[in-house]
């Protein structure tokens, strides 16, 4: 019985290491007046692509400002390899989502990255929306 358990443990370790993809180092690019934070950041190779995921939360009571997450991969020498942007889900940071660790985001690069690549993430605020006047000439809700 003991031999069976030991062989099962060793077998599972070998299988787990065969399934494990390449993990990349992830850095956060701070922004001026940053009142949000990234958590649980991961960058790993899967199939013929590289996936980056994590959570975004805010210390502000009103949640996150409108925006998106910029994701870029750099070589060790600082040369840009790939870049993309992604939205976070759900679009509002509610109290319940804040307790669960924040809103989620995920981005995919179409190709695997070199093993020494560094992935950088940053939250980018969208510009404030401008008020648009109605295009019709009169108010029809009279």
N, C-alpha and C. Protein backbone atom coordinates (compact mmCIF):
# COMPACT_ATOMS: atom_id res chain seq x y z
N UNK A 1 0.82 -1.19 0.00
CA UNK A 1 0.00 0.00 0.00
C UNK A 1 0.87 1.26 0.00
N UNK A 2 1.96 1.20 0.76
CA UNK A 2 2.86 2.35 0.84
C UNK A 2 3.52 2.62 -0.52
N UNK A 3 3.93 1.55 -1.21
CA UNK A 3 4.54 1.71 -2.53
C UNK A 3 3.55 2.32 -3.52
N UNK A 4 2.31 1.90 -3.41
CA UNK A 4 1.28 2.43 -4.30
C UNK A 4 1.10 3.93 -4.10
N UNK A 5 1.03 4.37 -2.85
CA UNK A 5 0.86 5.79 -2.56
C UNK A 5 2.06 6.61 -3.02
N UNK A 6 3.26 6.08 -2.81
CA UNK A 6 4.46 6.79 -3.24
C UNK A 6 4.49 6.90 -4.76
N UNK A 7 4.17 5.82 -5.46
CA UNK A 7 4.18 5.86 -6.92
C UNK A 7 3.07 6.77 -7.45
N UNK A 8 1.93 6.81 -6.77
CA UNK A 8 0.85 7.71 -7.16
C UNK A 8 1.28 9.17 -6.99
N UNK A 9 1.95 9.46 -5.89
CA UNK A 9 2.43 10.82 -5.63
C UNK A 9 3.47 11.24 -6.66
N UNK A 10 4.43 10.38 -6.94
CA UNK A 10 5.46 10.70 -7.94
C UNK A 10 4.85 10.85 -9.33
N UNK A 11 3.92 9.99 -9.66
CA UNK A 11 3.26 10.08 -10.97
C UNK A 11 2.50 11.38 -11.13
N UNK A 12 1.81 11.79 -10.08
CA UNK A 12 1.06 13.05 -10.17
C UNK A 12 2.00 14.24 -10.28
N UNK A 13 3.16 14.18 -9.64
CA UNK A 13 4.14 15.27 -9.76
C UNK A 13 4.68 15.37 -11.19
N UNK A 14 4.94 14.24 -11.81
CA UNK A 14 5.45 14.23 -13.18
C UNK A 14 4.39 14.77 -14.13
N UNK A 15 3.16 14.35 -13.95
CA UNK A 15 2.08 14.81 -14.83
C UNK A 15 1.84 16.30 -14.63
N UNK A 16 1.84 16.77 -13.39
CA UNK A 16 1.60 18.19 -13.12
C UNK A 16 2.70 19.05 -13.73
N UNK A 17 3.95 18.59 -13.68
CA UNK A 17 5.03 19.38 -14.26
C UNK A 17 4.96 19.36 -15.79
N UNK A 18 4.42 18.30 -16.37
CA UNK A 18 4.28 18.25 -17.83
C UNK A 18 3.18 19.18 -18.30
N UNK A 19 2.13 19.36 -17.51
CA UNK A 19 1.03 20.25 -17.88
C UNK A 19 1.33 21.70 -17.58
N UNK A 20 2.26 21.97 -16.71
CA UNK A 20 2.54 23.35 -16.32
C UNK A 20 3.18 24.09 -17.48
N UNK A 21 2.63 25.24 -17.83
CA UNK A 21 3.20 26.05 -18.89
C UNK A 21 4.26 26.98 -18.34
N UNK A 22 4.82 27.77 -19.22
CA UNK A 22 5.83 28.75 -18.82
C UNK A 22 5.16 29.90 -18.09
N UNK A 23 5.67 30.27 -16.94
CA UNK A 23 5.17 31.43 -16.20
C UNK A 23 6.11 32.60 -16.45
N UNK A 24 5.54 33.80 -16.55
CA UNK A 24 6.32 34.99 -16.83
C UNK A 24 6.22 35.96 -15.65
N UNK A 25 7.23 36.77 -15.49
CA UNK A 25 7.18 37.77 -14.43
C UNK A 25 6.26 38.91 -14.86
N UNK A 26 5.48 39.42 -13.90
CA UNK A 26 4.50 40.47 -14.18
C UNK A 26 4.82 41.68 -13.31
N UNK A 27 4.84 42.85 -13.93
CA UNK A 27 5.09 44.10 -13.21
C UNK A 27 3.90 45.04 -13.39
N UNK A 28 3.66 45.85 -12.39
CA UNK A 28 2.60 46.85 -12.44
C UNK A 28 3.23 48.20 -12.72
N UNK A 29 2.71 48.91 -13.71
CA UNK A 29 3.20 50.25 -14.04
C UNK A 29 2.32 51.24 -13.27
N UNK A 30 2.88 51.92 -12.26
CA UNK A 30 2.06 52.85 -11.47
C UNK A 30 1.67 54.09 -12.28
N UNK A 31 0.49 54.59 -12.00
CA UNK A 31 -0.02 55.79 -12.66
C UNK A 31 -0.08 56.93 -11.64
N UNK A 32 -0.08 58.19 -12.10
CA UNK A 32 -0.20 59.30 -11.16
C UNK A 32 -1.57 59.26 -10.46
N UNK A 33 -1.61 59.58 -9.20
CA UNK A 33 -2.84 59.58 -8.40
C UNK A 33 -3.56 58.24 -8.46
N UNK A 34 -2.81 57.17 -8.39
CA UNK A 34 -3.40 55.83 -8.49
C UNK A 34 -4.13 55.46 -7.21
N UNK A 35 -5.41 55.20 -7.31
CA UNK A 35 -6.23 54.81 -6.17
C UNK A 35 -6.83 53.43 -6.38
N UNK A 36 -6.20 52.61 -7.18
CA UNK A 36 -6.64 51.25 -7.44
C UNK A 36 -5.43 50.35 -7.36
N UNK A 37 -5.68 49.06 -7.28
CA UNK A 37 -4.56 48.13 -7.18
C UNK A 37 -4.88 46.83 -7.91
N UNK A 38 -3.83 46.22 -8.43
CA UNK A 38 -3.93 44.93 -9.09
C UNK A 38 -3.69 43.83 -8.07
N UNK A 39 -4.37 42.71 -8.24
CA UNK A 39 -4.19 41.56 -7.37
C UNK A 39 -4.21 40.29 -8.21
N UNK A 40 -3.58 39.25 -7.71
CA UNK A 40 -3.59 37.92 -8.32
C UNK A 40 -3.20 37.95 -9.79
N UNK A 41 -2.13 38.65 -10.11
CA UNK A 41 -1.66 38.74 -11.49
C UNK A 41 -0.95 37.47 -11.89
N UNK A 42 -1.28 36.96 -13.07
CA UNK A 42 -0.63 35.76 -13.60
C UNK A 42 -0.40 35.95 -15.10
N UNK A 43 0.73 35.49 -15.58
CA UNK A 43 1.02 35.44 -17.01
C UNK A 43 1.64 34.08 -17.28
N UNK A 44 1.06 33.34 -18.20
CA UNK A 44 1.51 31.97 -18.45
C UNK A 44 1.23 31.59 -19.90
N UNK A 45 2.01 30.64 -20.40
CA UNK A 45 1.79 30.16 -21.76
C UNK A 45 0.78 29.03 -21.72
N UNK A 46 -0.10 29.03 -22.71
CA UNK A 46 -1.11 27.99 -22.85
C UNK A 46 -1.31 27.73 -24.33
N UNK A 47 -1.15 26.49 -24.75
CA UNK A 47 -1.22 26.12 -26.16
C UNK A 47 -0.18 26.93 -26.94
N UNK A 48 -0.60 27.66 -27.95
CA UNK A 48 0.33 28.46 -28.74
C UNK A 48 0.14 29.95 -28.46
N UNK A 49 -0.26 30.27 -27.23
CA UNK A 49 -0.52 31.67 -26.89
C UNK A 49 -0.04 31.94 -25.47
N UNK A 50 -0.13 33.20 -25.07
CA UNK A 50 0.21 33.60 -23.70
C UNK A 50 -0.99 34.31 -23.11
N UNK A 51 -1.38 33.91 -21.91
CA UNK A 51 -2.54 34.50 -21.25
C UNK A 51 -2.10 35.30 -20.04
N UNK A 52 -2.73 36.45 -19.85
CA UNK A 52 -2.48 37.32 -18.71
C UNK A 52 -3.82 37.57 -18.04
N UNK A 53 -3.88 37.36 -16.73
CA UNK A 53 -5.15 37.58 -16.03
C UNK A 53 -4.87 38.14 -14.64
N UNK A 54 -5.90 38.69 -14.04
CA UNK A 54 -5.77 39.23 -12.70
C UNK A 54 -7.05 39.90 -12.26
N UNK A 55 -6.97 40.57 -11.14
CA UNK A 55 -8.10 41.30 -10.57
C UNK A 55 -7.69 42.74 -10.33
N UNK A 56 -8.67 43.61 -10.35
CA UNK A 56 -8.46 45.04 -10.17
C UNK A 56 -9.47 45.53 -9.15
N UNK A 57 -9.00 46.23 -8.13
CA UNK A 57 -9.90 46.74 -7.10
C UNK A 57 -9.48 48.16 -6.73
N UNK A 58 -10.33 48.83 -5.99
CA UNK A 58 -10.09 50.22 -5.64
C UNK A 58 -10.30 50.43 -4.15
N UNK A 59 -9.56 51.37 -3.60
CA UNK A 59 -9.76 51.71 -2.19
C UNK A 59 -10.80 52.82 -2.04
N UNK A 60 -11.26 53.36 -3.15
CA UNK A 60 -12.27 54.41 -3.11
C UNK A 60 -13.65 53.82 -2.85
N UNK A 61 -14.50 54.52 -2.10
CA UNK A 61 -15.84 53.99 -1.85
C UNK A 61 -16.71 53.97 -3.11
N UNK A 62 -16.40 54.82 -4.09
CA UNK A 62 -17.22 54.86 -5.30
C UNK A 62 -16.74 53.89 -6.37
N UNK A 63 -15.71 53.13 -6.12
CA UNK A 63 -15.25 52.12 -7.07
C UNK A 63 -14.21 52.62 -8.04
N UNK A 64 -14.11 51.93 -9.17
CA UNK A 64 -13.11 52.24 -10.19
C UNK A 64 -13.62 53.31 -11.15
N UNK A 65 -12.73 54.18 -11.63
CA UNK A 65 -13.13 55.09 -12.69
C UNK A 65 -13.27 54.31 -14.00
N UNK A 66 -13.92 54.90 -14.99
CA UNK A 66 -14.04 54.24 -16.29
C UNK A 66 -12.64 54.10 -16.88
N UNK A 67 -12.40 52.95 -17.50
CA UNK A 67 -11.10 52.74 -18.10
C UNK A 67 -10.92 51.33 -18.62
N UNK A 68 -9.68 50.99 -18.91
CA UNK A 68 -9.34 49.66 -19.40
C UNK A 68 -7.93 49.31 -18.91
N UNK A 69 -7.54 48.07 -19.12
CA UNK A 69 -6.23 47.60 -18.68
C UNK A 69 -5.34 47.46 -19.91
N UNK A 70 -4.17 48.10 -19.86
CA UNK A 70 -3.16 47.96 -20.91
C UNK A 70 -2.20 46.86 -20.50
N UNK A 71 -1.90 45.96 -21.43
CA UNK A 71 -0.99 44.84 -21.16
C UNK A 71 0.08 44.85 -22.25
N UNK A 72 1.35 44.78 -21.85
CA UNK A 72 2.46 44.79 -22.81
C UNK A 72 3.52 43.80 -22.35
N UNK A 73 4.17 43.17 -23.32
CA UNK A 73 5.25 42.23 -23.03
C UNK A 73 6.55 42.81 -23.59
N UNK A 74 7.59 42.76 -22.76
CA UNK A 74 8.90 43.30 -23.13
C UNK A 74 9.96 42.22 -23.00
N UNK A 75 10.98 42.33 -23.85
CA UNK A 75 12.14 41.45 -23.72
C UNK A 75 12.98 41.92 -22.54
N UNK A 76 13.96 41.15 -22.17
CA UNK A 76 14.83 41.52 -21.05
C UNK A 76 15.58 42.82 -21.32
N UNK A 77 15.83 43.11 -22.61
CA UNK A 77 16.53 44.34 -22.97
C UNK A 77 15.60 45.55 -23.05
N UNK A 78 14.29 45.35 -22.86
CA UNK A 78 13.34 46.45 -22.86
C UNK A 78 12.64 46.69 -24.18
N UNK A 79 12.83 45.80 -25.15
CA UNK A 79 12.18 45.95 -26.44
C UNK A 79 10.75 45.40 -26.37
N UNK A 80 9.79 46.15 -26.93
CA UNK A 80 8.39 45.75 -26.93
C UNK A 80 8.20 44.54 -27.83
N UNK A 81 7.59 43.48 -27.29
CA UNK A 81 7.32 42.26 -28.05
C UNK A 81 5.88 42.25 -28.54
N UNK A 82 4.95 42.53 -27.64
CA UNK A 82 3.52 42.51 -27.98
C UNK A 82 2.77 43.41 -27.00
N UNK A 83 1.63 43.91 -27.44
CA UNK A 83 0.80 44.73 -26.56
C UNK A 83 -0.66 44.55 -26.92
N UNK A 84 -1.52 44.76 -25.94
CA UNK A 84 -2.96 44.67 -26.15
C UNK A 84 -3.67 45.43 -25.03
N UNK A 85 -4.94 45.65 -25.20
CA UNK A 85 -5.77 46.25 -24.15
C UNK A 85 -6.94 45.33 -23.89
N UNK A 86 -7.51 45.42 -22.71
CA UNK A 86 -8.66 44.60 -22.37
C UNK A 86 -9.54 45.34 -21.37
N UNK A 87 -10.80 45.00 -21.38
CA UNK A 87 -11.74 45.56 -20.41
C UNK A 87 -11.82 44.64 -19.21
N UNK A 88 -12.32 45.18 -18.12
CA UNK A 88 -12.53 44.34 -16.94
C UNK A 88 -14.01 44.00 -16.82
N UNK A 89 -14.28 42.86 -16.18
CA UNK A 89 -15.64 42.35 -16.07
C UNK A 89 -15.95 42.10 -14.61
N UNK A 90 -17.08 42.48 -14.08
CA UNK A 90 -18.08 43.36 -14.67
C UNK A 90 -17.55 44.79 -14.71
N UNK A 91 -18.26 45.64 -15.42
CA UNK A 91 -17.76 47.00 -15.64
C UNK A 91 -17.85 47.87 -14.39
N UNK A 92 -18.62 47.45 -13.40
CA UNK A 92 -18.72 48.23 -12.15
C UNK A 92 -18.17 47.42 -10.98
N UNK A 93 -17.46 48.08 -10.11
CA UNK A 93 -16.93 47.44 -8.91
C UNK A 93 -17.94 47.64 -7.78
N UNK A 94 -18.78 46.64 -7.57
CA UNK A 94 -19.78 46.71 -6.51
C UNK A 94 -19.15 46.29 -5.19
N UNK A 95 -19.89 46.49 -4.11
CA UNK A 95 -19.40 46.09 -2.79
C UNK A 95 -19.14 44.58 -2.74
N UNK A 96 -20.03 43.80 -3.34
CA UNK A 96 -19.86 42.34 -3.36
C UNK A 96 -18.61 41.95 -4.14
N UNK A 97 -18.39 42.57 -5.31
CA UNK A 97 -17.20 42.25 -6.10
C UNK A 97 -15.93 42.68 -5.37
N UNK A 98 -16.01 43.78 -4.62
CA UNK A 98 -14.85 44.24 -3.86
C UNK A 98 -14.48 43.21 -2.80
N UNK A 99 -15.48 42.63 -2.14
CA UNK A 99 -15.23 41.61 -1.12
C UNK A 99 -14.65 40.34 -1.74
N UNK A 100 -14.98 40.05 -2.98
CA UNK A 100 -14.47 38.86 -3.66
C UNK A 100 -13.07 39.08 -4.24
N UNK A 101 -12.55 40.29 -4.16
CA UNK A 101 -11.19 40.54 -4.64
C UNK A 101 -11.12 41.49 -5.81
N UNK A 102 -12.24 41.99 -6.29
CA UNK A 102 -12.23 42.96 -7.37
C UNK A 102 -12.77 42.41 -8.67
N UNK A 103 -12.78 43.26 -9.68
CA UNK A 103 -13.24 42.85 -11.01
C UNK A 103 -12.12 42.10 -11.71
N UNK A 104 -12.49 41.24 -12.66
CA UNK A 104 -11.51 40.39 -13.34
C UNK A 104 -11.18 40.95 -14.71
N UNK A 105 -9.96 40.69 -15.16
CA UNK A 105 -9.58 41.01 -16.53
C UNK A 105 -8.72 39.88 -17.06
N UNK A 106 -8.71 39.74 -18.36
CA UNK A 106 -7.94 38.70 -19.01
C UNK A 106 -7.55 39.17 -20.40
N UNK A 107 -6.32 38.90 -20.79
CA UNK A 107 -5.84 39.26 -22.12
C UNK A 107 -5.05 38.09 -22.69
N UNK A 108 -5.02 37.98 -24.01
CA UNK A 108 -4.33 36.88 -24.68
C UNK A 108 -3.41 37.45 -25.75
N UNK A 109 -2.15 37.02 -25.73
CA UNK A 109 -1.23 37.29 -26.83
C UNK A 109 -1.27 36.06 -27.74
N UNK A 110 -1.31 36.28 -29.05
CA UNK A 110 -1.46 35.18 -30.00
C UNK A 110 -0.25 34.27 -30.11
N UNK A 111 0.85 34.66 -29.52
CA UNK A 111 2.07 33.85 -29.64
C UNK A 111 2.68 33.64 -28.26
N UNK A 112 3.44 32.56 -28.09
CA UNK A 112 4.15 32.39 -26.82
C UNK A 112 5.29 33.40 -26.74
N UNK A 113 5.58 33.83 -25.54
CA UNK A 113 6.64 34.82 -25.32
C UNK A 113 7.95 34.11 -25.01
N UNK A 114 9.08 34.78 -25.20
CA UNK A 114 10.36 34.20 -24.78
C UNK A 114 10.36 33.97 -23.27
N UNK A 115 11.15 33.03 -22.82
CA UNK A 115 11.13 32.65 -21.40
C UNK A 115 11.57 33.78 -20.47
N UNK A 116 12.36 34.73 -20.96
CA UNK A 116 12.82 35.83 -20.11
C UNK A 116 11.97 37.09 -20.26
N UNK A 117 10.81 36.98 -20.90
CA UNK A 117 9.95 38.15 -21.13
C UNK A 117 9.36 38.67 -19.82
N UNK A 118 9.09 39.97 -19.80
CA UNK A 118 8.46 40.62 -18.66
C UNK A 118 7.14 41.21 -19.14
N UNK A 119 6.07 40.89 -18.45
CA UNK A 119 4.75 41.41 -18.79
C UNK A 119 4.44 42.57 -17.86
N UNK A 120 4.01 43.70 -18.45
CA UNK A 120 3.67 44.87 -17.65
C UNK A 120 2.19 45.20 -17.84
N UNK A 121 1.52 45.54 -16.73
CA UNK A 121 0.10 45.90 -16.78
C UNK A 121 -0.08 47.29 -16.18
N UNK A 122 -1.06 48.01 -16.70
CA UNK A 122 -1.38 49.34 -16.19
C UNK A 122 -2.86 49.61 -16.42
N UNK A 123 -3.47 50.31 -15.48
CA UNK A 123 -4.85 50.74 -15.65
C UNK A 123 -4.83 52.10 -16.32
N UNK A 124 -5.62 52.25 -17.37
CA UNK A 124 -5.66 53.49 -18.12
C UNK A 124 -7.07 54.06 -18.05
N UNK A 125 -7.17 55.26 -17.48
CA UNK A 125 -8.48 55.91 -17.38
C UNK A 125 -8.97 56.36 -18.75
N UNK A 126 -10.28 56.19 -18.97
CA UNK A 126 -10.89 56.75 -20.17
C UNK A 126 -11.11 58.24 -19.94
N UNK A 127 -11.04 59.06 -21.00
CA UNK A 127 -11.29 60.49 -20.81
C UNK A 127 -12.74 60.71 -20.36
N UNK A 128 -12.98 61.78 -19.63
CA UNK A 128 -14.35 62.05 -19.18
C UNK A 128 -15.30 62.22 -20.37
N UNK A 129 -16.50 61.74 -20.19
CA UNK A 129 -17.49 61.86 -21.26
C UNK A 129 -18.01 63.29 -21.32
N UNK A 130 -18.20 63.78 -22.52
CA UNK A 130 -18.77 65.11 -22.68
C UNK A 130 -20.27 64.98 -22.88
N UNK A 131 -20.99 65.96 -22.40
CA UNK A 131 -22.44 65.93 -22.55
C UNK A 131 -22.80 66.28 -23.98
N UNK A 132 -23.68 65.49 -24.57
CA UNK A 132 -24.08 65.69 -25.96
C UNK A 132 -25.50 66.24 -25.96
N UNK A 133 -25.71 67.32 -26.69
CA UNK A 133 -27.05 67.89 -26.82
C UNK A 133 -27.89 67.01 -27.74
N UNK A 134 -29.19 66.92 -27.49
CA UNK A 134 -30.03 66.10 -28.36
C UNK A 134 -30.03 66.63 -29.79
N UNK A 135 -30.19 65.72 -30.74
CA UNK A 135 -30.13 66.11 -32.14
C UNK A 135 -31.48 66.58 -32.68
N UNK A 136 -32.58 66.36 -31.95
CA UNK A 136 -33.88 66.82 -32.44
C UNK A 136 -34.17 68.23 -31.95
N UNK A 137 -35.14 68.87 -32.58
CA UNK A 137 -35.36 70.29 -32.32
C UNK A 137 -36.27 70.57 -31.13
N UNK A 138 -37.11 69.63 -30.73
CA UNK A 138 -38.02 69.91 -29.63
C UNK A 138 -38.18 68.71 -28.72
N UNK A 139 -38.73 68.97 -27.55
CA UNK A 139 -38.97 67.90 -26.59
C UNK A 139 -40.30 67.25 -26.91
N UNK A 140 -40.31 65.96 -27.16
CA UNK A 140 -41.55 65.27 -27.52
C UNK A 140 -42.23 64.65 -26.30
N UNK A 141 -41.65 64.77 -25.14
CA UNK A 141 -42.23 64.19 -23.93
C UNK A 141 -43.06 65.23 -23.18
N UNK A 142 -44.00 65.86 -23.85
CA UNK A 142 -44.84 66.89 -23.22
C UNK A 142 -46.20 66.34 -22.91
